[in-house]
Amino acid sequence: MALMITDECINCDVCEPECPNDAISMGLAIYEIDAHKCTECVGHYDVPQCREVCPVDCIPLNPEYVESQDQLMAKYHQLTNKKIKIS
């Protein structure tokens, strides 16, 4: 699943620079996560970095974008232009 930022966001600016996919940007009132770029940090880190640094715990899974680990990894490969190695 992609992640999302709820309206509990306090605009503290710590999540945006942590996103390796540049999926986080400032919206009209709070930060937003582009679900098409969010891989939950799969391929980059073991855990989502935005969730690690968020002081108010306002970054849950987005129920509108259900994705498996394999789908998240495929999205990571697409975003980074890395070829999937098949052995």
PDB file of N, CA and C in Angstrom:
ATOM      1  N   MET A   1       0.840  -1.190   0.000  1.00  0.00           N
ATOM      2  CA  MET A   1       0.000   0.000   0.000  1.00  0.00           C
ATOM      3  C   MET A   1       0.877   1.242   0.000  1.00  0.00           C
ATOM      4  N   ALA A   2       0.391   2.232  -0.602  1.00  0.00           N
ATOM      5  CA  ALA A   2       1.038   3.531  -0.477  1.00  0.00           C
ATOM      6  C   ALA A   2       0.648   4.088   0.895  1.00  0.00           C
ATOM      7  N   LEU A   3       1.364   5.078   1.306  1.00  0.00           N
ATOM      8  CA  LEU A   3       1.054   5.745   2.566  1.00  0.00           C
ATOM      9  C   LEU A   3       0.296   7.029   2.266  1.00  0.00           C
ATOM     10  N   MET A   4      -0.288   7.605   3.300  1.00  0.00           N
ATOM     11  CA  MET A   4      -0.995   8.880   3.160  1.00  0.00           C
ATOM     12  C   MET A   4      -0.741   9.707   4.416  1.00  0.00           C
ATOM     13  N   ILE A   5      -0.905  10.999   4.303  1.00  0.00           N
ATOM     14  CA  ILE A   5      -0.745  11.895   5.446  1.00  0.00           C
ATOM     15  C   ILE A   5      -2.125  12.414   5.821  1.00  0.00           C
ATOM     16  N   THR A   6      -2.470  12.286   7.091  1.00  0.00           N
ATOM     17  CA  THR A   6      -3.790  12.721   7.553  1.00  0.00           C
ATOM     18  C   THR A   6      -3.776  14.194   7.936  1.00  0.00           C
ATOM     19  N   ASP A   7      -4.967  14.717   8.212  1.00  0.00           N
ATOM     20  CA  ASP A   7      -5.081  16.127   8.583  1.00  0.00           C
ATOM     21  C   ASP A   7      -4.530  16.430   9.972  1.00  0.00           C
ATOM     22  N   GLU A   8      -3.986  15.426  10.634  1.00  0.00           N
ATOM     23  CA  GLU A   8      -3.306  15.659  11.906  1.00  0.00           C
ATOM     24  C   GLU A   8      -1.896  16.203  11.689  1.00  0.00           C
ATOM     25  N   CYS A   9      -1.462  16.273  10.428  1.00  0.00           N
ATOM     26  CA  CYS A   9      -0.135  16.786  10.069  1.00  0.00           C
ATOM     27  C   CYS A   9       0.038  18.207  10.604  1.00  0.00           C
ATOM     28  N   ILE A  10       1.210  18.462  11.189  1.00  0.00           N
ATOM     29  CA  ILE A  10       1.503  19.791  11.746  1.00  0.00           C
ATOM     30  C   ILE A  10       2.477  20.575  10.860  1.00  0.00           C
ATOM     31  N   ASN A  11       2.721  20.074   9.645  1.00  0.00           N
ATOM     32  CA  ASN A  11       3.621  20.752   8.697  1.00  0.00           C
ATOM     33  C   ASN A  11       4.990  21.029   9.290  1.00  0.00           C
ATOM     34  N   CYS A  12       5.546  20.029   9.931  1.00  0.00           N
ATOM     35  CA  CYS A  12       6.845  20.207  10.588  1.00  0.00           C
ATOM     36  C   CYS A  12       8.020  20.104   9.614  1.00  0.00           C
ATOM     37  N   ASP A  13       7.753  19.671   8.394  1.00  0.00           N
ATOM     38  CA  ASP A  13       8.755  19.610   7.322  1.00  0.00           C
ATOM     39  C   ASP A  13       9.790  18.506   7.456  1.00  0.00           C
ATOM     40  N   VAL A  14       9.631  17.545   8.346  1.00  0.00           N
ATOM     41  CA  VAL A  14      10.659  16.519   8.499  1.00  0.00           C
ATOM     42  C   VAL A  14      10.478  15.336   7.550  1.00  0.00           C
ATOM     43  N   CYS A  15       9.274  15.087   7.089  1.00  0.00           N
ATOM     44  CA  CYS A  15       9.042  13.915   6.234  1.00  0.00           C
ATOM     45  C   CYS A  15       9.508  14.114   4.801  1.00  0.00           C
ATOM     46  N   GLU A  16       9.281  15.275   4.254  1.00  0.00           N
ATOM     47  CA  GLU A  16       9.568  15.516   2.828  1.00  0.00           C
ATOM     48  C   GLU A  16      11.004  15.169   2.423  1.00  0.00           C
ATOM     49  N   PRO A  17      12.016  15.640   3.124  1.00  0.00           N
ATOM     50  CA  PRO A  17      13.380  15.312   2.688  1.00  0.00           C
ATOM     51  C   PRO A  17      13.781  13.858   2.923  1.00  0.00           C
ATOM     52  N   GLU A  18      13.023  13.132   3.716  1.00  0.00           N
ATOM     53  CA  GLU A  18      13.347  11.731   4.000  1.00  0.00           C
ATOM     54  C   GLU A  18      12.876  10.771   2.914  1.00  0.00           C
ATOM     55  N   CYS A  19      11.969  11.210   2.061  1.00  0.00           N
ATOM     56  CA  CYS A  19      11.380  10.323   1.049  1.00  0.00           C
ATOM     57  C   CYS A  19      12.350  10.108  -0.110  1.00  0.00           C
ATOM     58  N   PRO A  20      12.815   8.873  -0.312  1.00  0.00           N
ATOM     59  CA  PRO A  20      13.764   8.607  -1.381  1.00  0.00           C
ATOM     60  C   PRO A  20      13.144   8.661  -2.782  1.00  0.00           C
ATOM     61  N   ASN A  21      11.822   8.662  -2.865  1.00  0.00           N
ATOM     62  CA  ASN A  21      11.138   8.687  -4.157  1.00  0.00           C
ATOM     63  C   ASN A  21      10.553  10.059  -4.493  1.00  0.00           C
ATOM     64  N   ASP A  22      10.802  11.048  -3.658  1.00  0.00           N
ATOM     65  CA  ASP A  22      10.222  12.378  -3.845  1.00  0.00           C
ATOM     66  C   ASP A  22       8.707  12.317  -3.971  1.00  0.00           C
ATOM     67  N   ALA A  23       8.092  11.453  -3.184  1.00  0.00           N
ATOM     68  CA  ALA A  23       6.639  11.283  -3.226  1.00  0.00           C
ATOM     69  C   ALA A  23       5.908  12.265  -2.318  1.00  0.00           C
ATOM     70  N   ILE A  24       6.632  12.959  -1.452  1.00  0.00           N
ATOM     71  CA  ILE A  24       5.988  13.867  -0.494  1.00  0.00           C
ATOM     72  C   ILE A  24       6.193  15.316  -0.935  1.00  0.00           C
ATOM     73  N   SER A  25       5.094  16.054  -0.951  1.00  0.00           N
ATOM     74  CA  SER A  25       5.161  17.475  -1.297  1.00  0.00           C
ATOM     75  C   SER A  25       4.105  18.233  -0.505  1.00  0.00           C
ATOM     76  N   MET A  26       4.263  19.532  -0.463  1.00  0.00           N
ATOM     77  CA  MET A  26       3.301  20.361   0.253  1.00  0.00           C
ATOM     78  C   MET A  26       2.032  20.480  -0.560  1.00  0.00           C
ATOM     79  N   GLY A  27       0.903  20.197   0.075  1.00  0.00           N
ATOM     80  CA  GLY A  27      -0.396  20.346  -0.566  1.00  0.00           C
ATOM     81  C   GLY A  27      -0.966  21.719  -0.244  1.00  0.00           C
ATOM     82  N   LEU A  28      -2.269  21.866  -0.367  1.00  0.00           N
ATOM     83  CA  LEU A  28      -2.898  23.147  -0.068  1.00  0.00           C
ATOM     84  C   LEU A  28      -2.803  23.507   1.407  1.00  0.00           C
ATOM     85  N   ALA A  29      -2.974  22.525   2.288  1.00  0.00           N
ATOM     86  CA  ALA A  29      -2.953  22.808   3.723  1.00  0.00           C
ATOM     87  C   ALA A  29      -1.913  21.983   4.475  1.00  0.00           C
ATOM     88  N   ILE A  30      -1.677  20.756   4.021  1.00  0.00           N
ATOM     89  CA  ILE A  30      -0.733  19.861   4.681  1.00  0.00           C
ATOM     90  C   ILE A  30       0.097  19.137   3.620  1.00  0.00           C
ATOM     91  N   TYR A  31       1.101  18.414   4.078  1.00  0.00           N
ATOM     92  CA  TYR A  31       1.891  17.616   3.154  1.00  0.00           C
ATOM     93  C   TYR A  31       1.043  16.482   2.603  1.00  0.00           C
ATOM     94  N   GLU A  32       1.372  16.059   1.377  1.00  0.00           N
ATOM     95  CA  GLU A  32       0.649  14.986   0.719  1.00  0.00           C
ATOM     96  C   GLU A  32       1.646  13.977   0.174  1.00  0.00           C
ATOM     97  N   ILE A  33       1.188  12.735   0.006  1.00  0.00           N
ATOM     98  CA  ILE A  33       2.019  11.686  -0.572  1.00  0.00           C
ATOM     99  C   ILE A  33       1.409  11.256  -1.895  1.00  0.00           C
ATOM    100  N   ASP A  34       2.220  11.287  -2.945  1.00  0.00           N
ATOM    101  CA  ASP A  34       1.791  10.822  -4.264  1.00  0.00           C
ATOM    102  C   ASP A  34       1.839   9.302  -4.253  1.00  0.00           C
ATOM    103  N   ALA A  35       0.683   8.672  -4.274  1.00  0.00           N
ATOM    104  CA  ALA A  35       0.594   7.211  -4.184  1.00  0.00           C
ATOM    105  C   ALA A  35       1.291   6.515  -5.349  1.00  0.00           C
ATOM    106  N   HIS A  36       1.432   7.207  -6.466  1.00  0.00           N
ATOM    107  CA  HIS A  36       2.080   6.609  -7.630  1.00  0.00           C
ATOM    108  C   HIS A  36       3.604   6.580  -7.482  1.00  0.00           C
ATOM    109  N   LYS A  37       4.121   7.331  -6.522  1.00  0.00           N
ATOM    110  CA  LYS A  37       5.564   7.344  -6.256  1.00  0.00           C
ATOM    111  C   LYS A  37       5.927   6.646  -4.953  1.00  0.00           C
ATOM    112  N   CYS A  38       4.961   6.463  -4.063  1.00  0.00           N
ATOM    113  CA  CYS A  38       5.238   5.876  -2.752  1.00  0.00           C
ATOM    114  C   CYS A  38       5.412   4.364  -2.851  1.00  0.00           C
ATOM    115  N   THR A  39       6.538   3.880  -2.349  1.00  0.00           N
ATOM    116  CA  THR A  39       6.798   2.436  -2.296  1.00  0.00           C
ATOM    117  C   THR A  39       6.935   1.965  -0.855  1.00  0.00           C
ATOM    118  N   GLU A  40       6.534   2.806   0.101  1.00  0.00           N
ATOM    119  CA  GLU A  40       6.744   2.518   1.522  1.00  0.00           C
ATOM    120  C   GLU A  40       8.231   2.281   1.792  1.00  0.00           C
ATOM    121  N   CYS A  41       9.060   2.893   0.971  1.00  0.00           N
ATOM    122  CA  CYS A  41      10.532   2.788   1.034  1.00  0.00           C
ATOM    123  C   CYS A  41      11.054   1.400   0.647  1.00  0.00           C
ATOM    124  N   VAL A  42      10.181   0.530   0.120  1.00  0.00           N
ATOM    125  CA  VAL A  42      10.626  -0.776  -0.368  1.00  0.00           C
ATOM    126  C   VAL A  42      11.685  -0.522  -1.445  1.00  0.00           C
ATOM    127  N   GLY A  43      12.777  -1.253  -1.351  1.00  0.00           N
ATOM    128  CA  GLY A  43      13.883  -1.090  -2.280  1.00  0.00           C
ATOM    129  C   GLY A  43      14.936  -0.124  -1.779  1.00  0.00           C
ATOM    130  N   HIS A  44      14.548   0.745  -0.870  1.00  0.00           N
ATOM    131  CA  HIS A  44      15.478   1.722  -0.303  1.00  0.00           C
ATOM    132  C   HIS A  44      15.824   1.395   1.149  1.00  0.00           C
ATOM    133  N   TYR A  45      14.789   1.192   1.966  1.00  0.00           N
ATOM    134  CA  TYR A  45      14.945   0.984   3.404  1.00  0.00           C
ATOM    135  C   TYR A  45      14.029  -0.141   3.871  1.00  0.00           C
ATOM    136  N   ASP A  46      14.257  -0.610   5.068  1.00  0.00           N
ATOM    137  CA  ASP A  46      13.415  -1.665   5.648  1.00  0.00           C
ATOM    138  C   ASP A  46      12.078  -1.144   6.156  1.00  0.00           C
ATOM    139  N   VAL A  47      12.028   0.117   6.514  1.00  0.00           N
ATOM    140  CA  VAL A  47      10.793   0.729   7.030  1.00  0.00           C
ATOM    141  C   VAL A  47      10.594   2.089   6.364  1.00  0.00           C
ATOM    142  N   PRO A  48       9.343   2.540   6.251  1.00  0.00           N
ATOM    143  CA  PRO A  48       9.087   3.850   5.669  1.00  0.00           C
ATOM    144  C   PRO A  48       9.745   4.962   6.498  1.00  0.00           C
ATOM    145  N   GLN A  49      10.580   5.730   5.854  1.00  0.00           N
ATOM    146  CA  GLN A  49      11.329   6.759   6.560  1.00  0.00           C
ATOM    147  C   GLN A  49      10.451   7.906   7.050  1.00  0.00           C
ATOM    148  N   CYS A  50       9.414   8.245   6.303  1.00  0.00           N
ATOM    149  CA  CYS A  50       8.532   9.327   6.747  1.00  0.00           C
ATOM    150  C   CYS A  50       7.856   8.979   8.066  1.00  0.00           C
ATOM    151  N   ARG A  51       7.471   7.720   8.203  1.00  0.00           N
ATOM    152  CA  ARG A  51       6.830   7.280   9.452  1.00  0.00           C
ATOM    153  C   ARG A  51       7.821   7.285  10.603  1.00  0.00           C
ATOM    154  N   GLU A  52       9.074   6.999  10.306  1.00  0.00           N
ATOM    155  CA  GLU A  52      10.105   6.976  11.342  1.00  0.00           C
ATOM    156  C   GLU A  52      10.331   8.357  11.946  1.00  0.00           C
ATOM    157  N   VAL A  53      10.237   9.408  11.127  1.00  0.00           N
ATOM    158  CA  VAL A  53      10.547  10.753  11.614  1.00  0.00           C
ATOM    159  C   VAL A  53       9.323  11.567  12.015  1.00  0.00           C
ATOM    160  N   CYS A  54       8.136  11.119  11.669  1.00  0.00           N
ATOM    161  CA  CYS A  54       6.923  11.889  11.960  1.00  0.00           C
ATOM    162  C   CYS A  54       6.681  11.994  13.470  1.00  0.00           C
ATOM    163  N   PRO A  55       6.645  13.220  14.002  1.00  0.00           N
ATOM    164  CA  PRO A  55       6.456  13.383  15.453  1.00  0.00           C
ATOM    165  C   PRO A  55       5.009  13.200  15.920  1.00  0.00           C
ATOM    166  N   VAL A  56       4.043  13.204  14.993  1.00  0.00           N
ATOM    167  CA  VAL A  56       2.641  13.088  15.406  1.00  0.00           C
ATOM    168  C   VAL A  56       1.976  11.817  14.903  1.00  0.00           C
ATOM    169  N   ASP A  57       2.734  10.931  14.276  1.00  0.00           N
ATOM    170  CA  ASP A  57       2.213   9.640  13.829  1.00  0.00           C
ATOM    171  C   ASP A  57       0.954   9.801  12.975  1.00  0.00           C
ATOM    172  N   CYS A  58       1.071  10.609  11.911  1.00  0.00           N
ATOM    173  CA  CYS A  58      -0.097  10.888  11.057  1.00  0.00           C
ATOM    174  C   CYS A  58       0.070  10.314   9.655  1.00  0.00           C
ATOM    175  N   ILE A  59       0.856   9.223   9.518  1.00  0.00           N
ATOM    176  CA  ILE A  59       1.096   8.646   8.197  1.00  0.00           C
ATOM    177  C   ILE A  59       0.697   7.167   8.182  1.00  0.00           C
ATOM    178  N   PRO A  60      -0.592   6.904   8.024  1.00  0.00           N
ATOM    179  CA  PRO A  60      -1.073   5.512   7.951  1.00  0.00           C
ATOM    180  C   PRO A  60      -0.999   4.978   6.514  1.00  0.00           C
ATOM    181  N   LEU A  61      -1.328   3.700   6.361  1.00  0.00           N
ATOM    182  CA  LEU A  61      -1.463   3.108   5.038  1.00  0.00           C
ATOM    183  C   LEU A  61      -2.673   3.718   4.344  1.00  0.00           C
ATOM    184  N   ASN A  62      -2.581   3.888   3.049  1.00  0.00           N
ATOM    185  CA  ASN A  62      -3.679   4.445   2.273  1.00  0.00           C
ATOM    186  C   ASN A  62      -4.538   3.296   1.757  1.00  0.00           C
ATOM    187  N   PRO A  63      -5.752   3.126   2.270  1.00  0.00           N
ATOM    188  CA  PRO A  63      -6.594   1.993   1.874  1.00  0.00           C
ATOM    189  C   PRO A  63      -7.034   2.037   0.413  1.00  0.00           C
ATOM    190  N   GLU A  64      -6.870   3.169  -0.259  1.00  0.00           N
ATOM    191  CA  GLU A  64      -7.253   3.284  -1.664  1.00  0.00           C
ATOM    192  C   GLU A  64      -6.186   2.727  -2.605  1.00  0.00           C
ATOM    193  N   TYR A  65      -4.987   2.444  -2.076  1.00  0.00           N
ATOM    194  CA  TYR A  65      -3.884   1.951  -2.902  1.00  0.00           C
ATOM    195  C   TYR A  65      -3.294   0.695  -2.280  1.00  0.00           C
ATOM    196  N   VAL A  66      -4.001  -0.408  -2.411  1.00  0.00           N
ATOM    197  CA  VAL A  66      -3.558  -1.684  -1.860  1.00  0.00           C
ATOM    198  C   VAL A  66      -2.540  -2.303  -2.817  1.00  0.00           C
ATOM    199  N   GLU A  67      -1.315  -2.551  -2.307  1.00  0.00           N
ATOM    200  CA  GLU A  67      -0.254  -3.126  -3.124  1.00  0.00           C
ATOM    201  C   GLU A  67       0.511  -4.152  -2.300  1.00  0.00           C
ATOM    202  N   SER A  68       0.922  -5.220  -2.947  1.00  0.00           N
ATOM    203  CA  SER A  68       1.730  -6.245  -2.282  1.00  0.00           C
ATOM    204  C   SER A  68       3.191  -5.786  -2.248  1.00  0.00           C
ATOM    205  N   GLN A  69       4.006  -6.503  -1.507  1.00  0.00           N
ATOM    206  CA  GLN A  69       5.438  -6.207  -1.473  1.00  0.00           C
ATOM    207  C   GLN A  69       6.036  -6.327  -2.874  1.00  0.00           C
ATOM    208  N   ASP A  70       5.595  -7.323  -3.642  1.00  0.00           N
ATOM    209  CA  ASP A  70       6.084  -7.489  -5.011  1.00  0.00           C
ATOM    210  C   ASP A  70       5.701  -6.301  -5.890  1.00  0.00           C
ATOM    211  N   GLN A  71       4.491  -5.799  -5.726  1.00  0.00           N
ATOM    212  CA  GLN A  71       4.060  -4.641  -6.503  1.00  0.00           C
ATOM    213  C   GLN A  71       4.841  -3.392  -6.108  1.00  0.00           C
ATOM    214  N   LEU A  72       5.098  -3.242  -4.802  1.00  0.00           N
ATOM    215  CA  LEU A  72       5.888  -2.102  -4.346  1.00  0.00           C
ATOM    216  C   LEU A  72       7.311  -2.181  -4.895  1.00  0.00           C
ATOM    217  N   MET A  73       7.884  -3.394  -4.932  1.00  0.00           N
ATOM    218  CA  MET A  73       9.226  -3.561  -5.474  1.00  0.00           C
ATOM    219  C   MET A  73       9.241  -3.268  -6.975  1.00  0.00           C
ATOM    220  N   ALA A  74       8.217  -3.684  -7.686  1.00  0.00           N
ATOM    221  CA  ALA A  74       8.130  -3.390  -9.119  1.00  0.00           C
ATOM    222  C   ALA A  74       8.034  -1.880  -9.346  1.00  0.00           C
ATOM    223  N   LYS A  75       7.270  -1.191  -8.494  1.00  0.00           N
ATOM    224  CA  LYS A  75       7.160   0.259  -8.600  1.00  0.00           C
ATOM    225  C   LYS A  75       8.517   0.909  -8.322  1.00  0.00           C
ATOM    226  N   TYR A  76       9.229   0.393  -7.331  1.00  0.00           N
ATOM    227  CA  TYR A  76      10.583   0.880  -7.028  1.00  0.00           C
ATOM    228  C   TYR A  76      11.478   0.753  -8.256  1.00  0.00           C
ATOM    229  N   HIS A  77      11.449  -0.411  -8.916  1.00  0.00           N
ATOM    230  CA  HIS A  77      12.268  -0.630 -10.103  1.00  0.00           C
ATOM    231  C   HIS A  77      11.868   0.325 -11.229  1.00  0.00           C
ATOM    232  N   GLN A  78      10.581   0.554 -11.384  1.00  0.00           N
ATOM    233  CA  GLN A  78      10.116   1.477 -12.415  1.00  0.00           C
ATOM    234  C   GLN A  78      10.590   2.902 -12.118  1.00  0.00           C
ATOM    235  N   LEU A  79      10.458   3.323 -10.868  1.00  0.00           N
ATOM    236  CA  LEU A  79      10.837   4.684 -10.493  1.00  0.00           C
ATOM    237  C   LEU A  79      12.343   4.931 -10.574  1.00  0.00           C
ATOM    238  N   THR A  80      13.111   3.889 -10.310  1.00  0.00           N
ATOM    239  CA  THR A  80      14.565   4.058 -10.311  1.00  0.00           C
ATOM    240  C   THR A  80      15.196   3.554 -11.606  1.00  0.00           C
ATOM    241  N   ASN A  81      14.373   3.063 -12.521  1.00  0.00           N
ATOM    242  CA  ASN A  81      14.862   2.528 -13.794  1.00  0.00           C
ATOM    243  C   ASN A  81      15.839   1.393 -13.628  1.00  0.00           C
ATOM    244  N   LYS A  82      15.672   0.623 -12.565  1.00  0.00           N
ATOM    245  CA  LYS A  82      16.528  -0.532 -12.338  1.00  0.00           C
ATOM    246  C   LYS A  82      15.840  -1.759 -12.904  1.00  0.00           C
ATOM    247  N   LYS A  83      16.588  -2.567 -13.552  1.00  0.00           N
ATOM    248  CA  LYS A  83      16.050  -3.793 -14.150  1.00  0.00           C
ATOM    249  C   LYS A  83      15.897  -4.864 -13.078  1.00  0.00           C
ATOM    250  N   ILE A  84      14.840  -5.614 -13.154  1.00  0.00           N
ATOM    251  CA  ILE A  84      14.611  -6.721 -12.240  1.00  0.00           C
ATOM    252  C   ILE A  84      15.448  -7.891 -12.727  1.00  0.00           C
ATOM    253  N   LYS A  85      16.286  -8.403 -11.833  1.00  0.00           N
ATOM    254  CA  LYS A  85      17.135  -9.532 -12.183  1.00  0.00           C
ATOM    255  C   LYS A  85      16.368 -10.831 -11.986  1.00  0.00           C
ATOM    256  N   ILE A  86      16.343 -11.649 -13.020  1.00  0.00           N
ATOM    257  CA  ILE A  86      15.671 -12.933 -12.939  1.00  0.00           C
ATOM    258  C   ILE A  86      16.751 -14.010 -13.024  1.00  0.00           C
ATOM    259  N   SER A  87      16.817 -14.878 -12.019  1.00  0.00           N
ATOM    260  CA  SER A  87      17.858 -15.912 -12.034  1.00  0.00           C
ATOM    261  C   SER A  87      17.346 -17.241 -12.483  1.00  0.00           C
TER     262      SER A  87
END
